[in-house]
């Protein structure tokens, strides 16, 4: 239901935090720092895990990291980032396990990056 999605989104919003270096600068700089210091770090930490939760969590971070790399070289970073947030938001309500955690946190982190 809508109420449950709102509550879950608030849960991730209240628990998401950005690396310090991703909190200032231009949108391009913030995204680049987030990609390098959060997304790529999670991918490396989850690589070769035999835990299905971690595999899903890390794989979704890898997919988003690749999407951000493409966004960083576009002419319309803000709109492309908003589009990525929309895509993450579409997946969130039905996601399970590691994918659910990843979409919740990534969505909340993108919201924070866009709000600064």
PDB file of N, CA and C in Angstrom:
ATOM      1  N   UNK A   1       0.833  -1.190   0.000  1.00  0.00           N
ATOM      2  CA  UNK A   1       0.000   0.000   0.000  1.00  0.00           C
ATOM      3  C   UNK A   1       0.873   1.247   0.000  1.00  0.00           C
ATOM      4  N   UNK A   2       0.246   2.378  -0.350  1.00  0.00           N
ATOM      5  CA  UNK A   2       0.970   3.641  -0.400  1.00  0.00           C
ATOM      6  C   UNK A   2       1.559   4.002   0.958  1.00  0.00           C
ATOM      7  N   UNK A   3       0.773   3.814   2.026  1.00  0.00           N
ATOM      8  CA  UNK A   3       1.244   4.157   3.366  1.00  0.00           C
ATOM      9  C   UNK A   3       2.484   3.355   3.721  1.00  0.00           C
ATOM     10  N   UNK A   4       2.481   2.072   3.429  1.00  0.00           N
ATOM     11  CA  UNK A   4       3.635   1.232   3.735  1.00  0.00           C
ATOM     12  C   UNK A   4       4.869   1.697   2.963  1.00  0.00           C
ATOM     13  N   UNK A   5       4.693   2.033   1.672  1.00  0.00           N
ATOM     14  CA  UNK A   5       5.822   2.524   0.876  1.00  0.00           C
ATOM     15  C   UNK A   5       6.364   3.810   1.473  1.00  0.00           C
ATOM     16  N   UNK A   6       5.472   4.717   1.890  1.00  0.00           N
ATOM     17  CA  UNK A   6       5.917   5.973   2.487  1.00  0.00           C
ATOM     18  C   UNK A   6       6.708   5.719   3.760  1.00  0.00           C
ATOM     19  N   UNK A   7       6.219   4.808   4.596  1.00  0.00           N
ATOM     20  CA  UNK A   7       6.911   4.491   5.842  1.00  0.00           C
ATOM     21  C   UNK A   7       8.281   3.887   5.540  1.00  0.00           C
ATOM     22  N   UNK A   8       8.324   2.952   4.596  1.00  0.00           N
ATOM     23  CA  UNK A   8       9.598   2.329   4.251  1.00  0.00           C
ATOM     24  C   UNK A   8      10.553   3.364   3.670  1.00  0.00           C
ATOM     25  N   UNK A   9      10.033   4.254   2.843  1.00  0.00           N
ATOM     26  CA  UNK A   9      10.902   5.284   2.284  1.00  0.00           C
ATOM     27  C   UNK A   9      11.453   6.174   3.390  1.00  0.00           C
ATOM     28  N   UNK A  10      10.619   6.506   4.362  1.00  0.00           N
ATOM     29  CA  UNK A  10      11.085   7.318   5.487  1.00  0.00           C
ATOM     30  C   UNK A  10      12.140   6.573   6.295  1.00  0.00           C
ATOM     31  N   UNK A  11      11.987   5.280   6.425  1.00  0.00           N
ATOM     32  CA  UNK A  11      12.988   4.474   7.120  1.00  0.00           C
ATOM     33  C   UNK A  11      14.344   4.628   6.445  1.00  0.00           C
ATOM     34  N   UNK A  12      14.387   4.487   5.142  1.00  0.00           N
ATOM     35  CA  UNK A  12      15.663   4.599   4.430  1.00  0.00           C
ATOM     36  C   UNK A  12      16.172   6.031   4.422  1.00  0.00           C
ATOM     37  N   UNK A  13      15.266   6.989   4.298  1.00  0.00           N
ATOM     38  CA  UNK A  13      15.695   8.395   4.334  1.00  0.00           C
ATOM     39  C   UNK A  13      16.370   8.721   5.665  1.00  0.00           C
ATOM     40  N   UNK A  14      15.823   8.198   6.753  1.00  0.00           N
ATOM     41  CA  UNK A  14      16.391   8.514   8.061  1.00  0.00           C
ATOM     42  C   UNK A  14      17.679   7.737   8.334  1.00  0.00           C
ATOM     43  N   UNK A  15      17.924   6.661   7.605  1.00  0.00           N
ATOM     44  CA  UNK A  15      19.122   5.852   7.824  1.00  0.00           C
ATOM     45  C   UNK A  15      20.207   6.058   6.781  1.00  0.00           C
ATOM     46  N   UNK A  16      19.910   6.752   5.720  1.00  0.00           N
ATOM     47  CA  UNK A  16      20.906   6.970   4.666  1.00  0.00           C
ATOM     48  C   UNK A  16      21.856   8.096   5.061  1.00  0.00           C
ATOM     49  N   UNK A  17      23.107   7.894   4.748  1.00  0.00           N
ATOM     50  CA  UNK A  17      24.077   8.970   4.947  1.00  0.00           C
ATOM     51  C   UNK A  17      25.057   8.939   3.786  1.00  0.00           C
ATOM     52  N   UNK A  18      25.533  10.093   3.436  1.00  0.00           N
ATOM     53  CA  UNK A  18      26.480  10.210   2.328  1.00  0.00           C
ATOM     54  C   UNK A  18      27.902  10.338   2.851  1.00  0.00           C
ATOM     55  N   UNK A  19      28.862   9.860   2.093  1.00  0.00           N
ATOM     56  CA  UNK A  19      30.255  10.144   2.463  1.00  0.00           C
ATOM     57  C   UNK A  19      30.447  11.663   2.534  1.00  0.00           C
ATOM     58  N   UNK A  20      31.260  12.108   3.424  1.00  0.00           N
ATOM     59  CA  UNK A  20      31.476  13.549   3.628  1.00  0.00           C
ATOM     60  C   UNK A  20      31.809  14.269   2.315  1.00  0.00           C
ATOM     61  N   UNK A  21      32.641  13.639   1.489  1.00  0.00           N
ATOM     62  CA  UNK A  21      33.057  14.281   0.240  1.00  0.00           C
ATOM     63  C   UNK A  21      31.938  14.364  -0.786  1.00  0.00           C
ATOM     64  N   UNK A  22      30.829  13.641  -0.561  1.00  0.00           N
ATOM     65  CA  UNK A  22      29.696  13.681  -1.493  1.00  0.00           C
ATOM     66  C   UNK A  22      28.633  14.670  -1.048  1.00  0.00           C
ATOM     67  N   UNK A  23      28.939  15.460  -0.031  1.00  0.00           N
ATOM     68  CA  UNK A  23      27.949  16.393   0.508  1.00  0.00           C
ATOM     69  C   UNK A  23      28.135  17.824   0.030  1.00  0.00           C
ATOM     70  N   UNK A  24      29.206  18.093  -0.705  1.00  0.00           N
ATOM     71  CA  UNK A  24      29.421  19.464  -1.165  1.00  0.00           C
ATOM     72  C   UNK A  24      30.000  19.451  -2.573  1.00  0.00           C
ATOM     73  N   UNK A  25      29.959  20.619  -3.191  1.00  0.00           N
ATOM     74  CA  UNK A  25      30.438  20.750  -4.560  1.00  0.00           C
ATOM     75  C   UNK A  25      29.275  20.725  -5.537  1.00  0.00           C
ATOM     76  N   UNK A  26      29.617  20.689  -6.802  1.00  0.00           N
ATOM     77  CA  UNK A  26      28.594  20.644  -7.845  1.00  0.00           C
ATOM     78  C   UNK A  26      27.909  19.282  -7.825  1.00  0.00           C
ATOM     79  N   UNK A  27      26.783  19.190  -8.496  1.00  0.00           N
ATOM     80  CA  UNK A  27      26.084  17.908  -8.591  1.00  0.00           C
ATOM     81  C   UNK A  27      27.005  16.849  -9.192  1.00  0.00           C
ATOM     82  N   UNK A  28      27.747  17.217 -10.203  1.00  0.00           N
ATOM     83  CA  UNK A  28      28.674  16.272 -10.830  1.00  0.00           C
ATOM     84  C   UNK A  28      29.730  15.795  -9.830  1.00  0.00           C
ATOM     85  N   UNK A  29      30.274  16.701  -9.039  1.00  0.00           N
ATOM     86  CA  UNK A  29      31.273  16.328  -8.036  1.00  0.00           C
ATOM     87  C   UNK A  29      30.668  15.440  -6.951  1.00  0.00           C
ATOM     88  N   UNK A  30      29.463  15.787  -6.496  1.00  0.00           N
ATOM     89  CA  UNK A  30      28.809  14.973  -5.461  1.00  0.00           C
ATOM     90  C   UNK A  30      28.520  13.564  -5.963  1.00  0.00           C
ATOM     91  N   UNK A  31      28.012  13.460  -7.189  1.00  0.00           N
ATOM     92  CA  UNK A  31      27.741  12.140  -7.770  1.00  0.00           C
ATOM     93  C   UNK A  31      29.014  11.325  -7.944  1.00  0.00           C
ATOM     94  N   UNK A  32      30.054  11.965  -8.411  1.00  0.00           N
ATOM     95  CA  UNK A  32      31.324  11.284  -8.625  1.00  0.00           C
ATOM     96  C   UNK A  32      31.888  10.736  -7.313  1.00  0.00           C
ATOM     97  N   UNK A  33      31.833  11.548  -6.275  1.00  0.00           N
ATOM     98  CA  UNK A  33      32.318  11.116  -4.958  1.00  0.00           C
ATOM     99  C   UNK A  33      31.452   9.988  -4.401  1.00  0.00           C
ATOM    100  N   UNK A  34      30.144  10.089  -4.572  1.00  0.00           N
ATOM    101  CA  UNK A  34      29.229   9.046  -4.101  1.00  0.00           C
ATOM    102  C   UNK A  34      29.506   7.737  -4.823  1.00  0.00           C
ATOM    103  N   UNK A  35      29.700   7.826  -6.123  1.00  0.00           N
ATOM    104  CA  UNK A  35      30.000   6.631  -6.913  1.00  0.00           C
ATOM    105  C   UNK A  35      31.277   5.963  -6.400  1.00  0.00           C
ATOM    106  N   UNK A  36      32.312   6.759  -6.253  1.00  0.00           N
ATOM    107  CA  UNK A  36      33.613   6.211  -5.865  1.00  0.00           C
ATOM    108  C   UNK A  36      33.640   5.738  -4.411  1.00  0.00           C
ATOM    109  N   UNK A  37      33.105   6.534  -3.522  1.00  0.00           N
ATOM    110  CA  UNK A  37      33.260   6.250  -2.087  1.00  0.00           C
ATOM    111  C   UNK A  37      32.139   5.419  -1.474  1.00  0.00           C
ATOM    112  N   UNK A  38      31.002   5.331  -2.127  1.00  0.00           N
ATOM    113  CA  UNK A  38      29.919   4.507  -1.591  1.00  0.00           C
ATOM    114  C   UNK A  38      29.625   3.334  -2.524  1.00  0.00           C
ATOM    115  N   UNK A  39      29.201   3.629  -3.732  1.00  0.00           N
ATOM    116  CA  UNK A  39      28.769   2.550  -4.631  1.00  0.00           C
ATOM    117  C   UNK A  39      29.890   1.561  -4.915  1.00  0.00           C
ATOM    118  N   UNK A  40      31.043   2.076  -5.351  1.00  0.00           N
ATOM    119  CA  UNK A  40      32.144   1.174  -5.711  1.00  0.00           C
ATOM    120  C   UNK A  40      32.696   0.437  -4.488  1.00  0.00           C
ATOM    121  N   UNK A  41      32.649   1.070  -3.339  1.00  0.00           N
ATOM    122  CA  UNK A  41      33.099   0.427  -2.099  1.00  0.00           C
ATOM    123  C   UNK A  41      32.181  -0.754  -1.758  1.00  0.00           C
ATOM    124  N   UNK A  42      30.871  -0.552  -1.886  1.00  0.00           N
ATOM    125  CA  UNK A  42      29.922  -1.637  -1.605  1.00  0.00           C
ATOM    126  C   UNK A  42      30.114  -2.776  -2.597  1.00  0.00           C
ATOM    127  N   UNK A  43      30.300  -2.439  -3.856  1.00  0.00           N
ATOM    128  CA  UNK A  43      30.532  -3.474  -4.878  1.00  0.00           C
ATOM    129  C   UNK A  43      31.737  -4.325  -4.487  1.00  0.00           C
ATOM    130  N   UNK A  44      32.832  -3.678  -4.112  1.00  0.00           N
ATOM    131  CA  UNK A  44      34.052  -4.414  -3.737  1.00  0.00           C
ATOM    132  C   UNK A  44      33.824  -5.255  -2.482  1.00  0.00           C
ATOM    133  N   UNK A  45      33.103  -4.699  -1.510  1.00  0.00           N
ATOM    134  CA  UNK A  45      32.865  -5.419  -0.258  1.00  0.00           C
ATOM    135  C   UNK A  45      31.984  -6.649  -0.459  1.00  0.00           C
ATOM    136  N   UNK A  46      31.100  -6.605  -1.432  1.00  0.00           N
ATOM    137  CA  UNK A  46      30.159  -7.717  -1.655  1.00  0.00           C
ATOM    138  C   UNK A  46      30.643  -8.696  -2.723  1.00  0.00           C
ATOM    139  N   UNK A  47      31.730  -8.353  -3.404  1.00  0.00           N
ATOM    140  CA  UNK A  47      32.240  -9.195  -4.486  1.00  0.00           C
ATOM    141  C   UNK A  47      32.619 -10.590  -3.973  1.00  0.00           C
ATOM    142  N   UNK A  48      32.231 -11.604  -4.713  1.00  0.00           N
ATOM    143  CA  UNK A  48      32.524 -13.006  -4.386  1.00  0.00           C
ATOM    144  C   UNK A  48      31.906 -13.481  -3.077  1.00  0.00           C
ATOM    145  N   UNK A  49      30.822 -12.866  -2.666  1.00  0.00           N
ATOM    146  CA  UNK A  49      30.137 -13.320  -1.461  1.00  0.00           C
ATOM    147  C   UNK A  49      29.283 -14.534  -1.788  1.00  0.00           C
ATOM    148  N   UNK A  50      29.185 -15.476  -0.842  1.00  0.00           N
ATOM    149  CA  UNK A  50      28.263 -16.596  -1.071  1.00  0.00           C
ATOM    150  C   UNK A  50      26.927 -16.345  -0.384  1.00  0.00           C
ATOM    151  N   UNK A  51      26.749 -15.165   0.155  1.00  0.00           N
ATOM    152  CA  UNK A  51      25.495 -14.784   0.789  1.00  0.00           C
ATOM    153  C   UNK A  51      24.591 -14.153  -0.284  1.00  0.00           C
ATOM    154  N   UNK A  52      23.439 -14.777  -0.581  1.00  0.00           N
ATOM    155  CA  UNK A  52      22.555 -14.244  -1.622  1.00  0.00           C
ATOM    156  C   UNK A  52      22.129 -12.790  -1.381  1.00  0.00           C
ATOM    157  N   UNK A  53      21.924 -12.415  -0.117  1.00  0.00           N
ATOM    158  CA  UNK A  53      21.559 -11.036   0.203  1.00  0.00           C
ATOM    159  C   UNK A  53      22.670 -10.091  -0.243  1.00  0.00           C
ATOM    160  N   UNK A  54      23.902 -10.397   0.151  1.00  0.00           N
ATOM    161  CA  UNK A  54      25.042  -9.545  -0.226  1.00  0.00           C
ATOM    162  C   UNK A  54      25.274  -9.531  -1.728  1.00  0.00           C
ATOM    163  N   UNK A  55      25.068 -10.687  -2.378  1.00  0.00           N
ATOM    164  CA  UNK A  55      25.222 -10.740  -3.832  1.00  0.00           C
ATOM    165  C   UNK A  55      24.258  -9.766  -4.506  1.00  0.00           C
ATOM    166  N   UNK A  56      22.984  -9.817  -4.118  1.00  0.00           N
ATOM    167  CA  UNK A  56      21.984  -8.915  -4.697  1.00  0.00           C
ATOM    168  C   UNK A  56      22.289  -7.462  -4.358  1.00  0.00           C
ATOM    169  N   UNK A  57      22.645  -7.211  -3.108  1.00  0.00           N
ATOM    170  CA  UNK A  57      22.954  -5.857  -2.645  1.00  0.00           C
ATOM    171  C   UNK A  57      24.123  -5.276  -3.453  1.00  0.00           C
ATOM    172  N   UNK A  58      25.187  -6.052  -3.580  1.00  0.00           N
ATOM    173  CA  UNK A  58      26.366  -5.599  -4.319  1.00  0.00           C
ATOM    174  C   UNK A  58      26.113  -5.457  -5.807  1.00  0.00           C
ATOM    175  N   UNK A  59      25.364  -6.391  -6.371  1.00  0.00           N
ATOM    176  CA  UNK A  59      25.078  -6.341  -7.810  1.00  0.00           C
ATOM    177  C   UNK A  59      24.263  -5.107  -8.164  1.00  0.00           C
ATOM    178  N   UNK A  60      23.290  -4.760  -7.342  1.00  0.00           N
ATOM    179  CA  UNK A  60      22.503  -3.564  -7.642  1.00  0.00           C
ATOM    180  C   UNK A  60      23.355  -2.304  -7.493  1.00  0.00           C
ATOM    181  N   UNK A  61      24.249  -2.282  -6.544  1.00  0.00           N
ATOM    182  CA  UNK A  61      25.167  -1.144  -6.420  1.00  0.00           C
ATOM    183  C   UNK A  61      26.061  -1.045  -7.661  1.00  0.00           C
ATOM    184  N   UNK A  62      26.471  -2.192  -8.203  1.00  0.00           N
ATOM    185  CA  UNK A  62      27.290  -2.184  -9.432  1.00  0.00           C
ATOM    186  C   UNK A  62      26.497  -1.596 -10.595  1.00  0.00           C
ATOM    187  N   UNK A  63      25.248  -2.004 -10.734  1.00  0.00           N
ATOM    188  CA  UNK A  63      24.397  -1.495 -11.817  1.00  0.00           C
ATOM    189  C   UNK A  63      24.225   0.017 -11.697  1.00  0.00           C
ATOM    190  N   UNK A  64      23.968   0.483 -10.485  1.00  0.00           N
ATOM    191  CA  UNK A  64      23.783   1.921 -10.272  1.00  0.00           C
ATOM    192  C   UNK A  64      25.101   2.669 -10.495  1.00  0.00           C
ATOM    193  N   UNK A  65      26.215   2.090 -10.076  1.00  0.00           N
ATOM    194  CA  UNK A  65      27.514   2.710 -10.309  1.00  0.00           C
ATOM    195  C   UNK A  65      27.770   2.905 -11.805  1.00  0.00           C
ATOM    196  N   UNK A  66      27.440   1.898 -12.590  1.00  0.00           N
ATOM    197  CA  UNK A  66      27.603   2.012 -14.047  1.00  0.00           C
ATOM    198  C   UNK A  66      26.680   3.084 -14.623  1.00  0.00           C
ATOM    199  N   UNK A  67      25.453   3.160 -14.111  1.00  0.00           N
ATOM    200  CA  UNK A  67      24.516   4.193 -14.567  1.00  0.00           C
ATOM    201  C   UNK A  67      25.036   5.585 -14.219  1.00  0.00           C
ATOM    202  N   UNK A  68      25.577   5.741 -13.016  1.00  0.00           N
ATOM    203  CA  UNK A  68      26.115   7.038 -12.602  1.00  0.00           C
ATOM    204  C   UNK A  68      27.318   7.413 -13.472  1.00  0.00           C
ATOM    205  N   UNK A  69      28.158   6.456 -13.810  1.00  0.00           N
ATOM    206  CA  UNK A  69      29.302   6.739 -14.688  1.00  0.00           C
ATOM    207  C   UNK A  69      28.821   7.325 -16.019  1.00  0.00           C
ATOM    208  N   UNK A  70      27.734   6.795 -16.546  1.00  0.00           N
ATOM    209  CA  UNK A  70      27.174   7.318 -17.800  1.00  0.00           C
ATOM    210  C   UNK A  70      26.565   8.695 -17.599  1.00  0.00           C
ATOM    211  N   UNK A  71      25.900   8.899 -16.469  1.00  0.00           N
ATOM    212  CA  UNK A  71      25.295  10.198 -16.168  1.00  0.00           C
ATOM    213  C   UNK A  71      26.365  11.279 -16.080  1.00  0.00           C
ATOM    214  N   UNK A  72      27.508  10.940 -15.495  1.00  0.00           N
ATOM    215  CA  UNK A  72      28.567  11.927 -15.270  1.00  0.00           C
ATOM    216  C   UNK A  72      29.125  12.524 -16.556  1.00  0.00           C
ATOM    217  N   UNK A  73      28.921  11.873 -17.684  1.00  0.00           N
ATOM    218  CA  UNK A  73      29.440  12.399 -18.953  1.00  0.00           C
ATOM    219  C   UNK A  73      28.338  12.979 -19.850  1.00  0.00           C
ATOM    220  N   UNK A  74      27.124  13.107 -19.298  1.00  0.00           N
ATOM    221  CA  UNK A  74      26.033  13.690 -20.081  1.00  0.00           C
ATOM    222  C   UNK A  74      26.002  15.202 -19.896  1.00  0.00           C
ATOM    223  N   UNK A  75      25.234  15.853 -20.749  1.00  0.00           N
ATOM    224  CA  UNK A  75      25.074  17.309 -20.662  1.00  0.00           C
ATOM    225  C   UNK A  75      23.992  17.723 -19.684  1.00  0.00           C
ATOM    226  N   UNK A  76      23.141  16.775 -19.288  1.00  0.00           N
ATOM    227  CA  UNK A  76      22.025  17.112 -18.415  1.00  0.00           C
ATOM    228  C   UNK A  76      22.042  16.220 -17.173  1.00  0.00           C
ATOM    229  N   UNK A  77      23.037  16.430 -16.337  1.00  0.00           N
ATOM    230  CA  UNK A  77      23.257  15.570 -15.173  1.00  0.00           C
ATOM    231  C   UNK A  77      22.052  15.577 -14.238  1.00  0.00           C
ATOM    232  N   UNK A  78      21.460  16.736 -14.004  1.00  0.00           N
ATOM    233  CA  UNK A  78      20.350  16.798 -13.056  1.00  0.00           C
ATOM    234  C   UNK A  78      19.160  15.967 -13.530  1.00  0.00           C
ATOM    235  N   UNK A  79      18.734  16.157 -14.770  1.00  0.00           N
ATOM    236  CA  UNK A  79      17.583  15.396 -15.271  1.00  0.00           C
ATOM    237  C   UNK A  79      17.879  13.906 -15.341  1.00  0.00           C
ATOM    238  N   UNK A  80      19.081  13.548 -15.727  1.00  0.00           N
ATOM    239  CA  UNK A  80      19.448  12.129 -15.793  1.00  0.00           C
ATOM    240  C   UNK A  80      19.467  11.506 -14.393  1.00  0.00           C
ATOM    241  N   UNK A  81      19.921  12.263 -13.412  1.00  0.00           N
ATOM    242  CA  UNK A  81      19.939  11.768 -12.035  1.00  0.00           C
ATOM    243  C   UNK A  81      18.515  11.619 -11.505  1.00  0.00           C
ATOM    244  N   UNK A  82      17.660  12.568 -11.822  1.00  0.00           N
ATOM    245  CA  UNK A  82      16.254  12.466 -11.426  1.00  0.00           C
ATOM    246  C   UNK A  82      15.588  11.260 -12.093  1.00  0.00           C
ATOM    247  N   UNK A  83      15.949  10.984 -13.326  1.00  0.00           N
ATOM    248  CA  UNK A  83      15.416   9.815 -14.031  1.00  0.00           C
ATOM    249  C   UNK A  83      15.883   8.519 -13.360  1.00  0.00           C
ATOM    250  N   UNK A  84      17.145   8.488 -12.949  1.00  0.00           N
ATOM    251  CA  UNK A  84      17.668   7.321 -12.236  1.00  0.00           C
ATOM    252  C   UNK A  84      16.916   7.124 -10.927  1.00  0.00           C
ATOM    253  N   UNK A  85      16.674   8.205 -10.202  1.00  0.00           N
ATOM    254  CA  UNK A  85      15.921   8.130  -8.946  1.00  0.00           C
ATOM    255  C   UNK A  85      14.520   7.570  -9.202  1.00  0.00           C
ATOM    256  N   UNK A  86      13.893   7.999 -10.265  1.00  0.00           N
ATOM    257  CA  UNK A  86      12.568   7.509 -10.615  1.00  0.00           C
ATOM    258  C   UNK A  86      12.598   6.002 -10.883  1.00  0.00           C
ATOM    259  N   UNK A  87      13.608   5.547 -11.591  1.00  0.00           N
ATOM    260  CA  UNK A  87      13.751   4.117 -11.883  1.00  0.00           C
ATOM    261  C   UNK A  87      13.932   3.317 -10.592  1.00  0.00           C
ATOM    262  N   UNK A  88      14.775   3.811  -9.711  1.00  0.00           N
ATOM    263  CA  UNK A  88      14.987   3.147  -8.419  1.00  0.00           C
ATOM    264  C   UNK A  88      13.668   3.104  -7.644  1.00  0.00           C
ATOM    265  N   UNK A  89      12.926   4.198  -7.682  1.00  0.00           N
ATOM    266  CA  UNK A  89      11.652   4.272  -6.978  1.00  0.00           C
ATOM    267  C   UNK A  89      10.620   3.286  -7.504  1.00  0.00           C
ATOM    268  N   UNK A  90      10.662   3.005  -8.784  1.00  0.00           N
ATOM    269  CA  UNK A  90       9.742   2.040  -9.384  1.00  0.00           C
ATOM    270  C   UNK A  90      10.048   0.629  -8.883  1.00  0.00           C
ATOM    271  N   UNK A  91      11.323   0.310  -8.718  1.00  0.00           N
ATOM    272  CA  UNK A  91      11.713  -1.023  -8.264  1.00  0.00           C
ATOM    273  C   UNK A  91      11.456  -1.248  -6.777  1.00  0.00           C
ATOM    274  N   UNK A  92      11.549  -0.194  -5.992  1.00  0.00           N
ATOM    275  CA  UNK A  92      11.511  -0.313  -4.531  1.00  0.00           C
ATOM    276  C   UNK A  92      10.296  -1.059  -3.965  1.00  0.00           C
ATOM    277  N   UNK A  93       9.062  -0.736  -4.368  1.00  0.00           N
ATOM    278  CA  UNK A  93       7.907  -1.350  -3.700  1.00  0.00           C
ATOM    279  C   UNK A  93       7.836  -2.876  -3.792  1.00  0.00           C
ATOM    280  N   UNK A  94       8.355  -3.448  -4.852  1.00  0.00           N
ATOM    281  CA  UNK A  94       8.236  -4.902  -5.017  1.00  0.00           C
ATOM    282  C   UNK A  94       9.542  -5.648  -4.783  1.00  0.00           C
ATOM    283  N   UNK A  95      10.613  -4.915  -4.526  1.00  0.00           N
ATOM    284  CA  UNK A  95      11.917  -5.555  -4.326  1.00  0.00           C
ATOM    285  C   UNK A  95      11.942  -6.332  -3.012  1.00  0.00           C
ATOM    286  N   UNK A  96      12.744  -7.370  -2.979  1.00  0.00           N
ATOM    287  CA  UNK A  96      12.892  -8.220  -1.784  1.00  0.00           C
ATOM    288  C   UNK A  96      14.373  -8.368  -1.448  1.00  0.00           C
ATOM    289  N   UNK A  97      14.656  -8.673  -0.190  1.00  0.00           N
ATOM    290  CA  UNK A  97      16.013  -9.010   0.242  1.00  0.00           C
ATOM    291  C   UNK A  97      17.028  -7.916  -0.012  1.00  0.00           C
ATOM    292  N   UNK A  98      18.176  -8.321  -0.558  1.00  0.00           N
ATOM    293  CA  UNK A  98      19.264  -7.381  -0.808  1.00  0.00           C
ATOM    294  C   UNK A  98      18.898  -6.297  -1.800  1.00  0.00           C
ATOM    295  N   UNK A  99      18.051  -6.642  -2.772  1.00  0.00           N
ATOM    296  CA  UNK A  99      17.604  -5.644  -3.737  1.00  0.00           C
ATOM    297  C   UNK A  99      16.744  -4.591  -3.050  1.00  0.00           C
ATOM    298  N   UNK A 100      15.911  -5.004  -2.119  1.00  0.00           N
ATOM    299  CA  UNK A 100      15.054  -4.061  -1.381  1.00  0.00           C
ATOM    300  C   UNK A 100      15.912  -3.078  -0.580  1.00  0.00           C
ATOM    301  N   UNK A 101      16.876  -3.619   0.150  1.00  0.00           N
ATOM    302  CA  UNK A 101      17.765  -2.752   0.938  1.00  0.00           C
ATOM    303  C   UNK A 101      18.535  -1.801   0.023  1.00  0.00           C
ATOM    304  N   UNK A 102      19.030  -2.333  -1.090  1.00  0.00           N
ATOM    305  CA  UNK A 102      19.820  -1.508  -2.015  1.00  0.00           C
ATOM    306  C   UNK A 102      18.974  -0.394  -2.617  1.00  0.00           C
ATOM    307  N   UNK A 103      17.770  -0.729  -3.102  1.00  0.00           N
ATOM    308  CA  UNK A 103      16.942   0.309  -3.713  1.00  0.00           C
ATOM    309  C   UNK A 103      16.526   1.357  -2.682  1.00  0.00           C
ATOM    310  N   UNK A 104      16.228   0.931  -1.464  1.00  0.00           N
ATOM    311  CA  UNK A 104      15.849   1.885  -0.425  1.00  0.00           C
ATOM    312  C   UNK A 104      16.973   2.848  -0.093  1.00  0.00           C
ATOM    313  N   UNK A 105      18.153   2.308   0.147  1.00  0.00           N
ATOM    314  CA  UNK A 105      19.293   3.163   0.506  1.00  0.00           C
ATOM    315  C   UNK A 105      19.750   4.025  -0.666  1.00  0.00           C
ATOM    316  N   UNK A 106      19.865   3.426  -1.832  1.00  0.00           N
ATOM    317  CA  UNK A 106      20.323   4.177  -3.005  1.00  0.00           C
ATOM    318  C   UNK A 106      19.339   5.301  -3.326  1.00  0.00           C
ATOM    319  N   UNK A 107      18.052   4.999  -3.284  1.00  0.00           N
ATOM    320  CA  UNK A 107      17.058   6.041  -3.544  1.00  0.00           C
ATOM    321  C   UNK A 107      17.174   7.188  -2.560  1.00  0.00           C
ATOM    322  N   UNK A 108      17.307   6.870  -1.288  1.00  0.00           N
ATOM    323  CA  UNK A 108      17.438   7.916  -0.264  1.00  0.00           C
ATOM    324  C   UNK A 108      18.725   8.715  -0.450  1.00  0.00           C
ATOM    325  N   UNK A 109      19.807   8.042  -0.831  1.00  0.00           N
ATOM    326  CA  UNK A 109      21.075   8.745  -1.038  1.00  0.00           C
ATOM    327  C   UNK A 109      20.998   9.657  -2.260  1.00  0.00           C
ATOM    328  N   UNK A 110      20.355   9.196  -3.331  1.00  0.00           N
ATOM    329  CA  UNK A 110      20.194  10.059  -4.512  1.00  0.00           C
ATOM    330  C   UNK A 110      19.351  11.282  -4.142  1.00  0.00           C
ATOM    331  N   UNK A 111      18.296  11.084  -3.363  1.00  0.00           N
ATOM    332  CA  UNK A 111      17.474  12.222  -2.920  1.00  0.00           C
ATOM    333  C   UNK A 111      18.334  13.238  -2.165  1.00  0.00           C
ATOM    334  N   UNK A 112      19.205  12.757  -1.287  1.00  0.00           N
ATOM    335  CA  UNK A 112      20.076  13.668  -0.521  1.00  0.00           C
ATOM    336  C   UNK A 112      21.036  14.419  -1.454  1.00  0.00           C
ATOM    337  N   UNK A 113      21.582  13.706  -2.424  1.00  0.00           N
ATOM    338  CA  UNK A 113      22.512  14.348  -3.358  1.00  0.00           C
ATOM    339  C   UNK A 113      21.784  15.432  -4.159  1.00  0.00           C
ATOM    340  N   UNK A 114      20.581  15.140  -4.599  1.00  0.00           N
ATOM    341  CA  UNK A 114      19.812  16.118  -5.385  1.00  0.00           C
ATOM    342  C   UNK A 114      19.335  17.286  -4.540  1.00  0.00           C
ATOM    343  N   UNK A 115      19.153  17.094  -3.251  1.00  0.00           N
ATOM    344  CA  UNK A 115      18.619  18.169  -2.407  1.00  0.00           C
ATOM    345  C   UNK A 115      19.676  19.184  -1.991  1.00  0.00           C
ATOM    346  N   UNK A 116      20.939  18.832  -2.123  1.00  0.00           N
ATOM    347  CA  UNK A 116      22.005  19.775  -1.706  1.00  0.00           C
ATOM    348  C   UNK A 116      22.284  20.816  -2.762  1.00  0.00           C
TER     349      UNK A 116
END
